[in-house]
Amino acid sequence: MKKIILMLVLAFVSVNCANDPVSTDTPTEAKESNSSSLTSKGTYSECDPVSIDIMAGQFTNAGKILIENDATNLYVTYTALSNWYFSELHLFVGPYASIPTQNGNPVPGQFPYKKTFNPLVQSYTFTIPISSITLDANKCFYIAAHSSMKNVINGTIVKTETGWAGDIKFPGKNWATYFNYCLRTCTTPPPDVTTCDTAYMYGNYTFNALQISEKWGWANYYDNTQNGIYTYNLYAGAGQNDITKGYLAGTVTVTIQGANIGIEINATNPGTVFTETHVYLSDSPPTTAAPGQFGNQHTLNNTMLDNYNLTYSGDGTFWLIVHAGVCTTE
């Protein structure tokens, strides 16, 4: 009769131990933060998290420790792989000499940061003020991350293991490990700044000299010009016709072949694109500096190249203005 009662008690204990409650939620409390989904840039900083495998029972990769810091805190996130869960976590951060040990073996129960879970969890983050960590001259320290882990299949605990993370073995007889971490400073890169300007092909007459505008800009006068290919600079933002106040946005290539004029406008400055172009081509000098009245125009969608194929009388004497709306990302 005693044997029957003993067997019933053991069966009851076995069933209850094999069905510990399981949760995938990440608990939170003061100074122990909820770990939201970890991105390549980290949850808490602009740095990529340092990732260290958690080895369960020494040989099974059962999760990862992700370490980040901002200017104020250190964040140590335990994350289990599929079918693995945490029941306890123990964490030490600081100089190696301060790690609680006995005969060279770490004593996790004496680690300053610890947490017990019921139900079990798959992720948890410790948030530790940097001001509380003893750093060396290089702002580095050691981390010993211990966990009690359970392998759960179809709601049943099939294995319970000890987990450690790190590549440095403690000098004792067990297989416990730890690792080194140095504080990092990562900042968000400044956003690209796009500036848009007016650009003109450099020419031998200014708008001021032609008395068609008080604004800056150039026209080019060709007098008995031979057939050939001619290349000019395209300057943007050159107020008062001073190219030192602007920048070289690109080039304009003019191809003259009889009565045919080919014009290629090329954005050569890195990050520069065209939003529109206007061309004035005539035997007569221009009477306006308004690009919209030049007679030839293209509306563009941030392209780096534009072309015109135009005709004139073909006598080698003509006026040409090339205007472009440019935007440059810096």
Protein backbone atom coordinates (compact mmCIF):
# COMPACT_ATOMS: atom_id res chain seq x y z
CA MET A 1 0.00 0.00 0.00
CA LYS A 2 2.87 2.39 0.86
CA LYS A 3 4.49 1.63 -2.49
CA ILE A 4 1.27 2.52 -4.33
CA ILE A 5 0.94 5.84 -2.47
CA LEU A 6 4.61 6.67 -3.17
CA MET A 7 4.17 5.96 -6.88
CA LEU A 8 1.09 8.23 -7.05
CA VAL A 9 2.97 11.08 -5.35
CA LEU A 10 5.93 10.76 -7.72
CA ALA A 11 3.62 10.75 -10.74
CA PHE A 12 1.85 13.88 -9.49
CA VAL A 13 5.18 15.71 -8.99
CA SER A 14 6.45 14.59 -12.41
CA VAL A 15 3.37 15.87 -14.23
CA ASN A 16 3.44 19.22 -12.49
CA CYS A 17 7.17 19.72 -13.13
CA ALA A 18 6.77 18.90 -16.80
CA ASN A 19 4.10 21.51 -17.31
CA ASP A 20 5.52 24.72 -15.84
CA PRO A 21 3.64 27.75 -17.17
CA VAL A 22 5.26 29.29 -20.25
CA SER A 23 5.01 32.87 -21.52
CA THR A 24 6.65 34.71 -24.41
CA ASP A 25 6.00 38.08 -22.77
CA THR A 26 8.92 40.21 -21.62
CA PRO A 27 8.31 41.43 -18.04
CA THR A 28 9.25 44.91 -16.94
CA GLU A 29 9.90 46.72 -13.72
CA ALA A 30 11.78 49.80 -12.60
CA LYS A 31 15.30 49.84 -14.06
CA GLU A 32 14.64 46.52 -15.84
CA SER A 33 13.28 47.42 -19.24
CA ASN A 34 11.02 45.70 -21.68
CA SER A 35 13.01 44.45 -24.66
CA SER A 36 11.18 45.49 -27.80
CA SER A 37 12.04 43.90 -31.12
CA LEU A 38 15.76 44.24 -31.65
CA THR A 39 16.75 45.79 -34.97
CA SER A 40 20.11 45.85 -36.72
CA LYS A 41 20.67 49.27 -35.17
CA GLY A 42 19.64 48.13 -31.77
CA THR A 43 16.72 49.00 -29.57
CA TYR A 44 18.46 51.39 -27.25
CA SER A 45 21.26 52.98 -29.27
CA GLU A 46 22.51 53.62 -32.79
CA CYS A 47 25.15 50.90 -32.33
CA ASP A 48 24.69 47.38 -33.62
CA PRO A 49 24.23 45.21 -30.50
CA VAL A 50 27.16 43.00 -29.49
CA SER A 51 25.83 39.45 -29.76
CA ILE A 52 27.14 36.56 -27.65
CA ASP A 53 25.74 33.02 -27.90
CA ILE A 54 24.19 31.41 -24.84
CA MET A 55 25.39 27.83 -24.55
CA ALA A 56 23.05 25.53 -22.63
CA GLY A 57 24.74 22.55 -21.00
CA GLN A 58 28.05 23.73 -22.56
CA PHE A 59 27.39 22.41 -26.08
CA THR A 60 23.89 23.58 -27.16
CA ASN A 61 23.33 27.04 -28.61
CA ALA A 62 20.09 28.05 -26.91
CA GLY A 63 19.99 31.84 -27.30
CA LYS A 64 21.91 35.09 -27.37
CA ILE A 65 23.01 37.87 -25.07
CA LEU A 66 22.70 41.27 -26.79
CA ILE A 67 24.65 44.14 -25.25
CA GLU A 68 24.21 47.84 -25.98
CA ASN A 69 24.84 51.11 -24.24
CA ASP A 70 23.81 54.72 -24.60
CA ALA A 71 25.30 57.65 -22.71
CA THR A 72 23.44 56.70 -19.52
CA ASN A 73 22.76 52.98 -19.33
CA LEU A 74 24.04 49.54 -20.22
CA TYR A 75 21.40 47.20 -21.68
CA VAL A 76 21.89 43.44 -21.44
CA THR A 77 19.18 41.45 -23.20
CA TYR A 78 18.78 37.68 -22.81
CA THR A 79 16.95 36.17 -25.80
CA ALA A 80 16.21 32.45 -26.09
CA LEU A 81 15.97 30.53 -29.33
CA SER A 82 12.81 28.67 -30.34
CA ASN A 83 11.68 26.05 -27.77
CA TRP A 84 14.01 27.42 -25.07
CA TYR A 85 12.85 29.46 -22.07
CA PHE A 86 14.35 31.17 -19.04
CA SER A 87 13.35 30.38 -15.48
CA GLU A 88 16.19 32.32 -13.79
CA LEU A 89 18.75 34.91 -14.83
CA HIS A 90 21.87 36.04 -12.98
CA LEU A 91 24.10 38.85 -14.23
CA PHE A 92 27.37 40.47 -13.17
CA VAL A 93 29.00 43.51 -14.79
CA GLY A 94 32.26 45.06 -13.62
CA PRO A 95 35.92 44.18 -13.01
CA TYR A 96 36.89 40.52 -13.00
CA ALA A 97 38.22 40.73 -9.43
CA SER A 98 34.72 41.60 -8.19
CA ILE A 99 32.95 38.57 -9.73
CA PRO A 100 31.67 36.36 -6.89
CA THR A 101 33.64 33.10 -7.16
CA GLN A 102 34.61 30.10 -5.08
CA ASN A 103 37.65 28.01 -5.98
CA GLY A 104 37.69 29.73 -9.38
CA ASN A 105 34.06 28.92 -10.10
CA PRO A 106 31.45 31.70 -10.36
CA VAL A 107 28.63 31.81 -7.80
CA PRO A 108 25.60 33.07 -9.81
CA GLY A 109 23.39 33.31 -6.75
CA GLN A 110 25.64 36.12 -5.51
CA PHE A 111 25.53 38.12 -8.76
CA PRO A 112 24.04 41.58 -8.15
CA TYR A 113 21.40 41.41 -10.92
CA LYS A 114 18.98 38.50 -10.87
CA LYS A 115 15.46 37.57 -11.90
CA THR A 116 13.16 34.56 -11.47
CA PHE A 117 10.27 33.89 -13.86
CA ASN A 118 6.98 32.10 -13.40
CA PRO A 119 5.67 31.77 -16.07
CA LEU A 120 8.83 31.20 -18.09
CA VAL A 121 9.98 33.85 -20.58
CA GLN A 122 12.04 33.94 -23.77
CA SER A 123 13.44 37.47 -23.49
CA TYR A 124 14.41 39.90 -20.77
CA THR A 125 16.52 43.07 -20.55
CA PHE A 126 18.49 44.35 -17.58
CA THR A 127 19.04 48.12 -17.61
CA ILE A 128 22.09 49.09 -15.57
CA PRO A 129 23.21 52.69 -14.96
CA ILE A 130 26.74 53.15 -16.30
CA SER A 131 27.50 55.27 -13.24
CA SER A 132 27.17 52.10 -11.12
CA ILE A 133 29.73 50.11 -13.15
CA THR A 134 33.45 50.14 -12.30
CA LEU A 135 35.26 50.73 -15.60
CA ASP A 136 38.93 50.36 -16.50
CA ALA A 137 40.98 53.07 -18.22
CA ASN A 138 39.54 52.09 -21.60
CA LYS A 139 35.94 52.10 -20.31
CA CYS A 140 35.84 48.32 -20.47
CA PHE A 141 34.59 45.70 -18.00
CA TYR A 142 33.55 42.06 -17.78
CA ILE A 143 30.12 40.49 -18.05
CA ALA A 144 29.16 37.13 -16.56
CA ALA A 145 25.72 36.11 -17.82
CA HIS A 146 24.17 32.98 -16.30
CA SER A 147 20.74 31.52 -16.96
CA SER A 148 18.62 28.54 -15.96
CA MET A 149 16.97 27.31 -19.14
CA LYS A 150 14.28 24.85 -20.05
CA ASN A 151 13.73 23.17 -23.41
CA VAL A 152 9.98 23.03 -24.01
CA ILE A 153 8.45 20.89 -26.75
CA ASN A 154 4.67 20.93 -27.28
CA GLY A 155 4.18 22.45 -23.84
CA THR A 156 6.30 19.82 -22.08
CA ILE A 157 9.68 20.49 -20.48
CA VAL A 158 12.04 17.91 -21.96
CA LYS A 159 15.34 19.27 -20.68
CA THR A 160 16.65 21.69 -18.03
CA GLU A 161 20.12 23.16 -18.52
CA THR A 162 22.46 25.83 -17.19
CA GLY A 163 23.36 28.55 -19.71
CA TRP A 164 26.48 30.69 -19.90
CA ALA A 165 27.63 33.24 -22.48
CA GLY A 166 31.16 34.23 -23.38
CA ASP A 167 34.51 33.17 -24.78
CA ILE A 168 36.61 33.31 -21.60
CA LYS A 169 36.52 30.29 -19.28
CA PHE A 170 36.61 30.71 -15.52
CA PRO A 171 39.68 29.04 -13.94
CA GLY A 172 37.58 26.62 -11.85
CA LYS A 173 36.65 23.07 -12.76
CA ASN A 174 33.21 23.83 -14.23
CA TRP A 175 32.64 25.12 -17.79
CA ALA A 176 31.26 28.57 -16.89
CA THR A 177 32.35 31.48 -19.13
CA TYR A 178 32.34 35.27 -19.24
CA PHE A 179 33.30 38.02 -21.72
CA ASN A 180 34.62 41.55 -22.06
CA TYR A 181 32.66 44.61 -23.18
CA CYS A 182 33.78 48.19 -23.83
CA LEU A 183 31.40 51.13 -23.82
CA ARG A 184 30.70 52.47 -27.30
CA THR A 185 29.70 55.85 -28.63
CA CYS A 186 27.43 55.67 -31.65
CA THR A 187 25.63 58.68 -33.03
CA THR A 188 22.98 59.05 -35.67
CA PRO A 189 24.58 60.23 -38.92
CA PRO A 190 23.30 63.64 -39.97
CA PRO A 191 20.51 63.44 -42.53
CA ASP A 192 21.26 64.27 -46.14
CA VAL A 193 20.61 67.93 -46.87
CA THR A 194 19.28 68.76 -50.33
CA THR A 195 19.72 72.26 -51.70
CA CYS A 196 18.23 73.43 -54.99
CA ASP A 197 19.68 76.21 -57.16
CA THR A 198 19.58 77.89 -60.53
CA ALA A 199 22.42 76.94 -62.87
CA TYR A 200 23.66 78.53 -66.11
CA MET A 201 26.16 77.56 -68.74
CA TYR A 202 29.13 79.91 -68.53
CA GLY A 203 29.15 82.37 -71.45
CA ASN A 204 30.86 85.46 -72.85
CA TYR A 205 28.02 87.87 -72.00
CA THR A 206 26.29 88.43 -68.65
CA PHE A 207 22.61 89.25 -68.41
CA ASN A 208 23.66 92.54 -66.83
CA ALA A 209 25.82 93.42 -69.84
CA LEU A 210 22.93 92.60 -72.17
CA GLN A 211 20.67 94.73 -69.94
CA ILE A 212 18.00 92.02 -69.86
CA SER A 213 18.11 91.39 -66.11
CA GLU A 214 19.73 92.50 -62.87
CA LYS A 215 19.99 88.85 -61.88
CA TRP A 216 23.05 86.72 -62.57
CA GLY A 217 23.40 84.48 -65.61
CA TRP A 218 25.24 84.21 -68.93
CA ALA A 219 24.57 84.02 -72.63
CA ASN A 220 27.03 82.82 -75.24
CA TYR A 221 27.47 84.57 -78.57
CA TYR A 222 28.89 82.52 -81.45
CA ASP A 223 30.35 84.48 -84.37
CA ASN A 224 31.15 82.56 -87.57
CA THR A 225 31.74 79.44 -85.48
CA GLN A 226 33.02 76.35 -87.23
CA ASN A 227 31.45 72.93 -86.97
CA GLY A 228 32.75 71.07 -83.94
CA ILE A 229 32.21 70.07 -80.35
CA TYR A 230 32.47 72.70 -77.60
CA THR A 231 32.28 72.06 -73.83
CA TYR A 232 31.37 74.62 -71.16
CA ASN A 233 31.00 74.61 -67.40
CA LEU A 234 27.57 74.73 -65.78
CA TYR A 235 27.65 76.78 -62.57
CA ALA A 236 24.96 76.79 -59.87
CA GLY A 237 24.30 79.47 -57.28
CA ALA A 238 26.89 81.87 -58.73
CA GLY A 239 25.29 85.11 -57.52
CA GLN A 240 26.50 88.32 -59.16
CA ASN A 241 28.14 86.10 -61.81
CA ASP A 242 30.84 85.21 -59.28
CA ILE A 243 31.62 81.52 -59.73
CA THR A 244 33.44 81.44 -56.39
CA LYS A 245 30.06 81.98 -54.71
CA GLY A 246 28.57 78.93 -56.39
CA TYR A 247 29.71 75.47 -57.40
CA LEU A 248 30.40 73.54 -60.57
CA ALA A 249 27.22 71.54 -61.09
CA GLY A 250 28.14 69.97 -64.41
CA THR A 251 29.03 70.55 -68.04
CA VAL A 252 27.28 71.48 -71.28
CA THR A 253 28.52 69.99 -74.55
CA VAL A 254 27.48 71.86 -77.70
CA THR A 255 27.85 70.01 -81.00
CA ILE A 256 27.57 72.20 -84.13
CA GLN A 257 26.99 70.50 -87.46
CA GLY A 258 25.68 72.86 -90.11
CA ALA A 259 22.22 74.05 -89.08
CA ASN A 260 21.96 71.36 -86.39
CA ILE A 261 22.86 72.11 -82.76
CA GLY A 262 23.11 69.25 -80.29
CA ILE A 263 23.17 70.17 -76.59
CA GLU A 264 24.05 67.67 -73.85
CA ILE A 265 23.67 68.83 -70.25
CA ASN A 266 25.48 66.58 -67.78
CA ALA A 267 25.42 66.75 -63.96
CA THR A 268 28.99 65.88 -62.99
CA ASN A 269 28.93 67.09 -59.38
CA PRO A 270 28.29 64.13 -56.99
CA GLY A 271 24.72 64.14 -55.73
CA THR A 272 23.53 66.72 -58.27
CA VAL A 273 20.43 66.13 -60.40
CA PHE A 274 18.31 68.16 -62.79
CA THR A 275 14.71 69.09 -62.16
CA GLU A 276 14.28 71.16 -65.34
CA THR A 277 16.25 72.64 -68.21
CA HIS A 278 15.67 75.57 -70.60
CA VAL A 279 17.52 76.50 -73.78
CA TYR A 280 17.51 79.74 -75.78
CA LEU A 281 18.83 79.40 -79.34
CA SER A 282 18.42 82.20 -81.87
CA ASP A 283 20.17 84.36 -84.46
CA SER A 284 18.97 87.34 -82.43
CA PRO A 285 20.24 88.35 -78.98
CA PRO A 286 17.96 87.45 -76.05
CA THR A 287 15.50 90.06 -74.81
CA THR A 288 14.53 88.24 -71.60
CA ALA A 289 16.29 86.35 -68.84
CA ALA A 290 13.15 84.42 -67.87
CA PRO A 291 13.96 80.73 -68.58
CA GLY A 292 10.30 79.92 -69.16
CA GLN A 293 10.40 82.20 -72.23
CA PHE A 294 13.51 80.69 -73.83
CA GLY A 295 11.39 78.57 -76.16
CA ASN A 296 12.81 75.14 -75.35
CA GLN A 297 12.29 73.40 -72.04
CA HIS A 298 12.21 69.99 -70.36
CA THR A 299 10.67 69.09 -67.01
CA LEU A 300 12.82 66.36 -65.47
CA ASN A 301 12.54 63.90 -62.60
CA ASN A 302 15.93 64.24 -60.89
CA THR A 303 17.98 63.08 -63.85
CA MET A 304 21.70 63.54 -64.37
CA LEU A 305 21.59 63.98 -68.15
CA ASP A 306 19.47 65.89 -70.63
CA ASN A 307 19.69 66.45 -74.39
CA TYR A 308 18.33 68.87 -76.98
CA ASN A 309 18.54 68.61 -80.79
CA LEU A 310 17.75 72.03 -82.26
CA THR A 311 18.24 73.88 -85.54
CA TYR A 312 19.03 77.46 -86.57
CA SER A 313 20.01 79.27 -89.78
CA GLY A 314 23.31 77.43 -90.03
CA ASP A 315 25.54 80.47 -90.72
CA GLY A 316 27.73 79.90 -87.64
CA THR A 317 26.46 83.01 -85.86
CA PHE A 318 23.89 82.61 -83.07
CA TRP A 319 23.06 83.18 -79.39
CA LEU A 320 22.76 80.37 -76.83
CA ILE A 321 21.63 80.29 -73.20
CA VAL A 322 21.45 77.02 -71.23
CA HIS A 323 19.64 77.10 -67.89
CA ALA A 324 19.04 74.24 -65.45
CA GLY A 325 17.23 73.76 -62.17
CA VAL A 326 19.56 71.62 -60.03
CA CYS A 327 19.28 69.96 -56.65
CA THR A 328 22.33 68.68 -54.78
CA THR A 329 22.38 66.28 -51.84
CA GLU A 330 25.25 66.78 -49.43
